[in-house]
């Protein structure tokens, strides 16, 4: 296998102004209940303050019997590293099956993308 020269590297992997390699950032939060659908009943968006560029994002849902609050620390962690994070809660965390959580993640991802037009 041949090594890739640095000038041939994928530019999307380069360190840029929004890179998590630049260190920890202050975190802002936004109550995102206005984005909720039938598949997720609560939502919070965590974002790095002061950065208005396009940023990577992630949607996080807890496991069986876990509410949104169980994922709050992860939302803040990702945002402090330059990644917009949205934590969501499902309507019935004690009875949701994996396909229902999957649909909640897909719906929340679409909703999060719609926030930035």
N, C-alpha and C. Protein backbone atom coordinates (compact mmCIF):
# COMPACT_ATOMS: atom_id res chain seq x y z
N UNK A 1 0.84 -1.18 0.00
CA UNK A 1 0.00 0.00 0.00
C UNK A 1 0.89 1.24 0.00
N UNK A 2 0.61 2.17 -0.86
CA UNK A 2 1.41 3.36 -1.03
C UNK A 2 0.88 4.50 -0.16
N UNK A 3 1.76 5.21 0.50
CA UNK A 3 1.35 6.35 1.33
C UNK A 3 0.90 7.50 0.45
N UNK A 4 -0.03 8.26 0.94
CA UNK A 4 -0.53 9.43 0.20
C UNK A 4 0.27 10.64 0.62
N UNK A 5 0.80 11.35 -0.36
CA UNK A 5 1.53 12.58 -0.07
C UNK A 5 0.58 13.62 0.49
N UNK A 6 1.08 14.50 1.35
CA UNK A 6 0.22 15.49 2.00
C UNK A 6 -0.51 16.39 1.01
N UNK A 7 0.08 16.69 -0.14
CA UNK A 7 -0.61 17.53 -1.11
C UNK A 7 -1.68 16.78 -1.88
N UNK A 8 -1.72 15.44 -1.76
CA UNK A 8 -2.75 14.63 -2.41
C UNK A 8 -3.88 14.27 -1.45
N UNK A 9 -3.77 14.69 -0.22
CA UNK A 9 -4.76 14.31 0.80
C UNK A 9 -6.11 14.92 0.49
N UNK A 10 -7.13 14.28 0.96
CA UNK A 10 -8.50 14.76 0.80
C UNK A 10 -8.66 16.09 1.52
N UNK A 11 -9.04 17.18 0.80
CA UNK A 11 -9.15 18.50 1.44
C UNK A 11 -10.24 18.55 2.51
N UNK A 12 -11.21 17.66 2.45
CA UNK A 12 -12.26 17.68 3.47
C UNK A 12 -11.74 17.20 4.82
N UNK A 13 -10.56 16.58 4.84
CA UNK A 13 -9.97 16.09 6.07
C UNK A 13 -9.00 17.11 6.66
N UNK A 14 -8.74 18.18 5.96
CA UNK A 14 -7.77 19.17 6.42
C UNK A 14 -8.29 19.90 7.65
N UNK A 15 -7.36 20.33 8.47
CA UNK A 15 -7.73 21.11 9.65
C UNK A 15 -8.19 22.48 9.18
N UNK A 16 -9.36 22.87 9.56
CA UNK A 16 -9.91 24.16 9.17
C UNK A 16 -10.38 24.92 10.39
N UNK A 17 -11.03 26.06 10.18
CA UNK A 17 -11.44 26.90 11.31
C UNK A 17 -12.47 26.22 12.22
N UNK A 18 -13.15 25.19 11.74
CA UNK A 18 -14.16 24.52 12.55
C UNK A 18 -13.67 23.18 13.07
N UNK A 19 -12.41 22.90 12.89
CA UNK A 19 -11.89 21.60 13.27
C UNK A 19 -11.89 21.41 14.78
N UNK A 20 -12.17 20.18 15.21
CA UNK A 20 -12.12 19.89 16.64
C UNK A 20 -10.67 19.92 17.13
N UNK A 21 -9.70 19.95 16.22
CA UNK A 21 -8.30 19.99 16.62
C UNK A 21 -7.91 21.34 17.19
N UNK A 22 -8.75 22.33 17.08
CA UNK A 22 -8.42 23.67 17.57
C UNK A 22 -8.67 23.84 19.05
N UNK A 23 -9.17 22.84 19.74
CA UNK A 23 -9.34 22.93 21.19
C UNK A 23 -10.77 23.14 21.61
N UNK A 24 -10.95 23.17 22.92
CA UNK A 24 -12.29 23.29 23.50
C UNK A 24 -12.90 24.66 23.27
N UNK A 25 -14.22 24.69 23.17
CA UNK A 25 -14.97 25.92 22.93
C UNK A 25 -16.08 26.07 23.95
N UNK A 26 -16.58 27.29 24.09
CA UNK A 26 -17.76 27.53 24.92
C UNK A 26 -18.96 26.92 24.22
N UNK A 27 -19.90 26.43 25.02
CA UNK A 27 -21.06 25.73 24.48
C UNK A 27 -22.34 26.50 24.75
N UNK A 28 -23.17 26.64 23.71
CA UNK A 28 -24.50 27.21 23.86
C UNK A 28 -25.53 26.10 23.71
N UNK A 29 -26.72 26.32 24.25
CA UNK A 29 -27.79 25.33 24.09
C UNK A 29 -29.05 26.02 23.58
N UNK A 30 -29.87 25.24 22.92
CA UNK A 30 -31.13 25.73 22.38
C UNK A 30 -32.20 24.67 22.63
N UNK A 31 -33.28 25.05 23.29
CA UNK A 31 -34.41 24.15 23.45
C UNK A 31 -35.05 24.00 22.08
N UNK A 32 -35.07 22.78 21.57
CA UNK A 32 -35.52 22.55 20.20
C UNK A 32 -36.84 21.79 20.14
N UNK A 33 -37.71 22.01 21.12
CA UNK A 33 -39.01 21.33 21.10
C UNK A 33 -39.81 21.67 19.86
N UNK A 34 -39.55 22.84 19.27
CA UNK A 34 -40.28 23.25 18.06
C UNK A 34 -39.97 22.32 16.87
N UNK A 35 -38.93 21.52 16.97
CA UNK A 35 -38.57 20.60 15.89
C UNK A 35 -39.16 19.21 16.07
N UNK A 36 -39.75 18.94 17.23
CA UNK A 36 -40.22 17.58 17.54
C UNK A 36 -41.31 17.10 16.59
N UNK A 37 -41.29 15.80 16.36
CA UNK A 37 -42.28 15.13 15.53
C UNK A 37 -42.90 14.01 16.38
N UNK A 38 -43.71 13.18 15.78
CA UNK A 38 -44.31 12.07 16.51
C UNK A 38 -43.25 11.07 17.00
N UNK A 39 -42.10 11.01 16.34
CA UNK A 39 -41.08 10.02 16.70
C UNK A 39 -40.13 10.47 17.81
N UNK A 40 -40.03 11.78 18.07
CA UNK A 40 -39.23 12.24 19.20
C UNK A 40 -39.94 13.40 19.88
N UNK A 41 -39.98 13.34 21.20
CA UNK A 41 -40.83 14.24 21.97
C UNK A 41 -40.08 15.37 22.68
N UNK A 42 -38.77 15.32 22.70
CA UNK A 42 -37.98 16.41 23.28
C UNK A 42 -36.67 16.50 22.51
N UNK A 43 -36.08 17.69 22.51
CA UNK A 43 -34.83 17.88 21.79
C UNK A 43 -34.10 19.10 22.33
N UNK A 44 -32.79 18.98 22.38
CA UNK A 44 -31.92 20.10 22.76
C UNK A 44 -30.76 20.12 21.78
N UNK A 45 -30.42 21.31 21.31
CA UNK A 45 -29.28 21.47 20.41
C UNK A 45 -28.14 22.10 21.20
N UNK A 46 -26.97 21.50 21.11
CA UNK A 46 -25.75 22.01 21.74
C UNK A 46 -24.84 22.47 20.60
N UNK A 47 -24.28 23.67 20.73
CA UNK A 47 -23.47 24.20 19.63
C UNK A 47 -22.28 24.98 20.17
N UNK A 48 -21.18 25.02 19.40
CA UNK A 48 -20.04 25.83 19.80
C UNK A 48 -20.38 27.30 19.61
N UNK A 49 -20.24 28.07 20.66
CA UNK A 49 -20.58 29.50 20.57
C UNK A 49 -19.56 30.25 19.72
N UNK A 50 -20.07 31.22 18.98
CA UNK A 50 -19.22 32.09 18.20
C UNK A 50 -18.80 31.56 16.84
N UNK A 51 -19.19 30.36 16.49
CA UNK A 51 -18.79 29.80 15.20
C UNK A 51 -20.02 29.78 14.29
N UNK A 52 -20.00 30.57 13.25
CA UNK A 52 -21.14 30.67 12.32
C UNK A 52 -20.90 29.89 11.03
N UNK A 53 -19.81 29.14 10.96
CA UNK A 53 -19.53 28.38 9.75
C UNK A 53 -20.34 27.08 9.74
N UNK A 54 -20.32 26.39 8.61
CA UNK A 54 -20.97 25.09 8.52
C UNK A 54 -20.19 24.13 9.40
N UNK A 55 -20.88 23.44 10.28
CA UNK A 55 -20.23 22.53 11.22
C UNK A 55 -20.78 21.12 11.07
N UNK A 56 -19.99 20.12 11.41
CA UNK A 56 -20.52 18.76 11.43
C UNK A 56 -21.55 18.63 12.54
N UNK A 57 -22.43 17.65 12.42
CA UNK A 57 -23.45 17.48 13.45
C UNK A 57 -23.69 16.01 13.74
N UNK A 58 -24.29 15.77 14.88
CA UNK A 58 -24.62 14.42 15.33
C UNK A 58 -25.94 14.49 16.10
N UNK A 59 -26.75 13.45 15.98
CA UNK A 59 -27.98 13.34 16.77
C UNK A 59 -27.80 12.15 17.70
N UNK A 60 -28.17 12.34 18.97
CA UNK A 60 -27.94 11.33 19.99
C UNK A 60 -29.26 10.99 20.67
N UNK A 61 -29.56 9.70 20.77
CA UNK A 61 -30.73 9.22 21.51
C UNK A 61 -30.24 8.18 22.51
N UNK A 62 -30.85 8.18 23.68
CA UNK A 62 -30.45 7.23 24.70
C UNK A 62 -30.88 5.81 24.35
N UNK A 63 -30.35 4.87 25.07
CA UNK A 63 -30.73 3.48 24.89
C UNK A 63 -32.05 3.18 25.57
N UNK A 64 -32.38 1.91 25.66
CA UNK A 64 -33.65 1.49 26.25
C UNK A 64 -33.79 2.08 27.65
N UNK A 65 -34.93 2.66 27.90
CA UNK A 65 -35.31 3.24 29.19
C UNK A 65 -34.51 4.49 29.56
N UNK A 66 -33.81 5.09 28.61
CA UNK A 66 -33.04 6.31 28.88
C UNK A 66 -33.73 7.50 28.25
N UNK A 67 -33.91 8.53 29.03
CA UNK A 67 -34.48 9.77 28.51
C UNK A 67 -33.40 10.66 27.91
N UNK A 68 -33.83 11.77 27.39
CA UNK A 68 -32.90 12.71 26.77
C UNK A 68 -31.84 13.20 27.75
N UNK A 69 -32.21 13.41 29.00
CA UNK A 69 -31.29 13.95 29.99
C UNK A 69 -30.05 13.07 30.16
N UNK A 70 -30.21 11.78 29.92
CA UNK A 70 -29.07 10.86 30.06
C UNK A 70 -27.98 11.15 29.04
N UNK A 71 -28.31 11.84 27.96
CA UNK A 71 -27.36 12.11 26.89
C UNK A 71 -26.83 13.55 26.92
N UNK A 72 -27.28 14.36 27.87
CA UNK A 72 -26.92 15.78 27.91
C UNK A 72 -25.41 16.01 27.97
N UNK A 73 -24.71 15.22 28.74
CA UNK A 73 -23.26 15.42 28.85
C UNK A 73 -22.57 15.18 27.51
N UNK A 74 -23.08 14.23 26.73
CA UNK A 74 -22.50 13.97 25.41
C UNK A 74 -22.75 15.15 24.47
N UNK A 75 -23.93 15.76 24.55
CA UNK A 75 -24.21 16.92 23.71
C UNK A 75 -23.22 18.03 23.97
N UNK A 76 -23.00 18.34 25.24
CA UNK A 76 -22.05 19.39 25.60
C UNK A 76 -20.63 19.02 25.20
N UNK A 77 -20.27 17.75 25.35
CA UNK A 77 -18.93 17.29 24.97
C UNK A 77 -18.67 17.52 23.48
N UNK A 78 -19.59 17.03 22.64
CA UNK A 78 -19.40 17.20 21.20
C UNK A 78 -19.35 18.67 20.81
N UNK A 79 -20.24 19.48 21.37
CA UNK A 79 -20.26 20.91 21.02
C UNK A 79 -18.97 21.60 21.45
N UNK A 80 -18.42 21.21 22.58
CA UNK A 80 -17.17 21.83 23.03
C UNK A 80 -16.00 21.49 22.12
N UNK A 81 -16.18 20.46 21.28
CA UNK A 81 -15.16 20.06 20.33
C UNK A 81 -15.51 20.46 18.89
N UNK A 82 -16.46 21.37 18.71
CA UNK A 82 -16.76 21.91 17.39
C UNK A 82 -17.79 21.15 16.59
N UNK A 83 -18.57 20.29 17.24
CA UNK A 83 -19.59 19.51 16.55
C UNK A 83 -20.97 19.87 17.12
N UNK A 84 -21.88 20.26 16.26
CA UNK A 84 -23.25 20.55 16.71
C UNK A 84 -23.89 19.21 17.09
N UNK A 85 -24.45 19.15 18.29
CA UNK A 85 -25.07 17.91 18.76
C UNK A 85 -26.51 18.18 19.14
N UNK A 86 -27.37 17.25 18.79
CA UNK A 86 -28.78 17.34 19.15
C UNK A 86 -29.12 16.08 19.94
N UNK A 87 -29.56 16.25 21.18
CA UNK A 87 -30.02 15.12 21.96
C UNK A 87 -31.53 15.07 21.84
N UNK A 88 -32.07 13.87 21.77
CA UNK A 88 -33.52 13.73 21.65
C UNK A 88 -34.04 12.71 22.65
N UNK A 89 -35.30 12.87 22.99
CA UNK A 89 -36.01 11.90 23.82
C UNK A 89 -37.16 11.33 23.03
N UNK A 90 -37.41 10.05 23.20
CA UNK A 90 -38.52 9.41 22.50
C UNK A 90 -39.76 9.40 23.38
N UNK A 91 -40.94 9.29 22.77
CA UNK A 91 -42.18 9.35 23.55
C UNK A 91 -42.33 8.23 24.59
N UNK A 92 -41.76 7.07 24.32
CA UNK A 92 -41.94 5.93 25.23
C UNK A 92 -40.61 5.18 25.42
N UNK A 93 -39.66 5.76 26.17
CA UNK A 93 -38.33 5.14 26.27
C UNK A 93 -38.34 3.73 26.87
N UNK A 94 -39.38 3.37 27.61
CA UNK A 94 -39.44 2.03 28.21
C UNK A 94 -39.94 0.98 27.22
N UNK A 95 -40.57 1.42 26.13
CA UNK A 95 -41.13 0.44 25.20
C UNK A 95 -40.67 0.60 23.75
N UNK A 96 -39.90 1.65 23.46
CA UNK A 96 -39.42 1.85 22.08
C UNK A 96 -38.54 0.69 21.63
N UNK A 97 -38.80 0.22 20.43
CA UNK A 97 -37.98 -0.81 19.81
C UNK A 97 -36.91 -0.12 18.97
N UNK A 98 -35.82 -0.82 18.63
CA UNK A 98 -34.76 -0.21 17.80
C UNK A 98 -35.27 0.45 16.51
N UNK A 99 -36.23 -0.13 15.78
CA UNK A 99 -36.69 0.56 14.57
C UNK A 99 -37.35 1.92 14.88
N UNK A 100 -38.00 2.04 16.03
CA UNK A 100 -38.62 3.33 16.41
C UNK A 100 -37.54 4.35 16.76
N UNK A 101 -36.50 3.93 17.43
CA UNK A 101 -35.39 4.84 17.74
C UNK A 101 -34.66 5.25 16.46
N UNK A 102 -34.53 4.31 15.55
CA UNK A 102 -33.91 4.61 14.26
C UNK A 102 -34.70 5.70 13.53
N UNK A 103 -36.02 5.56 13.50
CA UNK A 103 -36.85 6.57 12.84
C UNK A 103 -36.73 7.91 13.54
N UNK A 104 -36.65 7.89 14.87
CA UNK A 104 -36.48 9.14 15.62
C UNK A 104 -35.17 9.81 15.24
N UNK A 105 -34.09 9.04 15.11
CA UNK A 105 -32.80 9.61 14.71
C UNK A 105 -32.86 10.21 13.31
N UNK A 106 -33.50 9.52 12.38
CA UNK A 106 -33.63 10.04 11.02
C UNK A 106 -34.46 11.32 10.99
N UNK A 107 -35.58 11.32 11.70
CA UNK A 107 -36.43 12.51 11.74
C UNK A 107 -35.70 13.69 12.39
N UNK A 108 -34.99 13.42 13.47
CA UNK A 108 -34.27 14.49 14.16
C UNK A 108 -33.12 15.02 13.31
N UNK A 109 -32.46 14.15 12.57
CA UNK A 109 -31.38 14.60 11.69
C UNK A 109 -31.92 15.54 10.62
N UNK A 110 -33.05 15.18 10.04
CA UNK A 110 -33.68 16.06 9.03
C UNK A 110 -34.09 17.39 9.65
N UNK A 111 -34.65 17.33 10.84
CA UNK A 111 -35.07 18.56 11.53
C UNK A 111 -33.87 19.46 11.85
N UNK A 112 -32.79 18.85 12.30
CA UNK A 112 -31.59 19.63 12.62
C UNK A 112 -31.03 20.30 11.36
N UNK A 113 -31.00 19.57 10.26
CA UNK A 113 -30.52 20.15 9.01
C UNK A 113 -31.40 21.31 8.55
N UNK A 114 -32.69 21.23 8.83
CA UNK A 114 -33.61 22.30 8.41
C UNK A 114 -33.37 23.59 9.20
N UNK A 115 -32.75 23.49 10.36
CA UNK A 115 -32.48 24.69 11.17
C UNK A 115 -31.47 25.62 10.51
N UNK A 116 -30.61 25.07 9.68
CA UNK A 116 -29.58 25.88 9.04
C UNK A 116 -29.89 26.15 7.58
N UNK A 117 -31.12 25.85 7.16
CA UNK A 117 -31.56 26.14 5.80
C UNK A 117 -30.77 25.42 4.80
